[in-house]
Structures are given as C-alpha cells and as structure tokens.
C-alpha cells in the first residue's frame, strides 16, 4: 500500500572509505516480526566481532544504526528484560535486523557515523545532519570588508573561520572585533567613499552611524580613511583570527587591570566584557586549528589475524583506510594512497558536516591515550613504503 510520504528502502551498507579494500566483511540479516525469532537468529548467526548493525522498519527503511565491539553481545542486549526503554521502542518497530563486521571498534565508530549521516535513521539523534546548528565568522563583503556571522559561507569571503556552536556568542565576538579594529558593520546598501576618491564637485559627507564619533569605526563611508589604511586594519583583524596576533587580548587585559586599580569599576566591567567575547572566539578558533593541524597522521590498529589496519587521518577525520603494506606491490599502492590523501587540497575551514567526525576522532584518542604511542607520522609512513 502506497504511503503519503514514501520511505527510502535500505539497499545495503554499500562501499566505505572506513574499511580497507580486501577486508572480508561478514554480512547478516534476520527477518521476522516475532521478537523471539529475531533473538534466535541473532543467537545462531550473530558474530562475536566488532561491527555496525541496523534495524529496518516494515517498509524496509533504516530506522536505527548502532555500533558494537561484539555484534552478538550488543544485539542480544535488546532482548533482555533490563533493556533501556528506547531499545524496546526501537525493537517494537523492527522487522529486520542487519549487520556488517568491521576490522575493529574504532572502525565501527567511524562507520556508524557515516551511515547515520547518509541514511538519517529516525531513532538516531547524535550524528544527525542539522542536530547542531553551526555558524562561521567571516571577513568579507567589499568594498569595505568587515567581520560578520554566516550560517553557510559562499566562498567569496576573504577568510572563513569555524564552525562555531553559538551564533549569539559569535555575533558578539564579531561586534567586538569590528570595534577594536575600527571596521564598519553597516548594511551593504550604505555606500562607501574612501578619502582618496576624488570628486569633481566635493561635498561634505557625514558618517552613517555614531560609531565614528565614539571611536569604533574609521568611517570608510564618509572618507574617514584611505583604502590602503582600511586594508591594513583588515590584515590586522585577520592576523588575530589566524592566531598570529594576540594584541587585543593583551591590551584589553592591561586596560582592565589599570581601571580596576584606579577603582574605575564600570570601565573595568566594560573592558572585561569585551575581553571575554574576544577570548571566547580566540579559544574556539585555537581548538579548531589544533584539531585539524595536530590530527594528521596514520593511526595503525593491530588485528588478531592479518596485517594491521592503517587509518589515514587527515585534518582530524578518517580520509581512507588500508592494510599495512608487507610486500612490494602493496607498498607501491599504499604510497600512492598516502600521496592522494595527504597532498589533496581541502577547504580552509571545517565544513559543518565534518565536525562530528573530527570530534569523534579527538574523543577516541582522548579516551585511549595509550593509542597515541603507536601513531605514525605521514613522513614515517611514506618511508615504510619505500
């Protein structure tokens, strides 16, 4: 019977970069509306191996995806009396159980997130696209660029930073940034007139707002600065956002301390608020830079049988996987894969759809610090392939 809103029929797990080529994944399927028969099928056929599993609804649509260190143990937990209430609700809507084995627990985590983002099962919450709304801090909008907040960059910006989870705090930080570097923040409909722009019939121009009078804007709309001077202010703002210049934080801290010593408490509180907003932005962008620059390496995980699996982690996310090379043909193909993954140009900012992936990798290494001892640098991995 046709439904008002057609369901997407799940046709299989499909290929993935999170499982190395040549890995013989075990696939399983148990179909029944009777929970006892589902349980019996899992007991008889469920492997005691790491992997991902899914529940299909009556229309064949994927309603839930999970991961497990042992698929059989995890799936059997759905049939216990002490199960979580949500597990019972999921099982009530399940007509088919499916699973796919992966090399290890880390691979199961990555594969689960990939499937959630691809199929959007309705019983999954974490990892869903749009679960968190991100914003970006941008420098752009000619002829007089400034800092502003955008949900989705267009690619025409001078610089893009983020994503950030709080649009309100990001907006406040942009306001403080524009004030500090005396950048305009008016509407695009406001016409700009730089000081060097000549006129046949000169006319007196007044700024479009009060920010010039209070010293927080250089008034490019009224000839208050030259174009090259304004470009210098933009470069200074970009240096702060890039983490190369901490002058605003140092200077605001100094001014706040002096105001507090002089018992100018209202001024000290105002400076504290400016410092807090800019410090929040600086800390978030520093973390993002570290997550991308520091988390670029080869992460090997030894297997009970066969060679280790190499997870090629580029800018904080798993970009590809392969088996550790043991023979000359394998070393050649792995070397080519390393070059392809780690020398590929990527976006200068973190796309929103990659944030959960980067957080997953960071959380795993934070939870398993002992694993960091086995990490291989990209240069060392290439040397092993020579």
Foldseek 3Di string as FASTA:
>chain_A
DDDPDDADADDDLDDDQLAAPPDDKDKDKFFALDPVSVLVRLVVDFFQAWWKKFFAFPNNATQDIDTDRGRSVVVNLLPDPPHDPLSVVSSNRGGMMMIIHGQGRLSRVQSRLVVCCVRVRNSDQPSHVPSAQWKKWFWADDPQTATDIGSDDPPRTPDIFDTDRDRVLSHLLRVLLQQVLQGDDDDSVQAFAAQPDDDPDDDFDDAPDCSVVVRRHQRRSGRSHHSVSSVVSVVVSVCQLVVNDPVLLVVLVVVLVVCVVVVVPVVNVVSVVSNVSNVVSSVRRVVLVCLQPVFAFWQWDQGPDDATKTFGTHGQAGPGIHGQDDDLVSLVVVLVVLCVPHVDDDDPYDPPSCPSRSVSSVVVCVVVVVSVVPTGGSVRSNVSSD
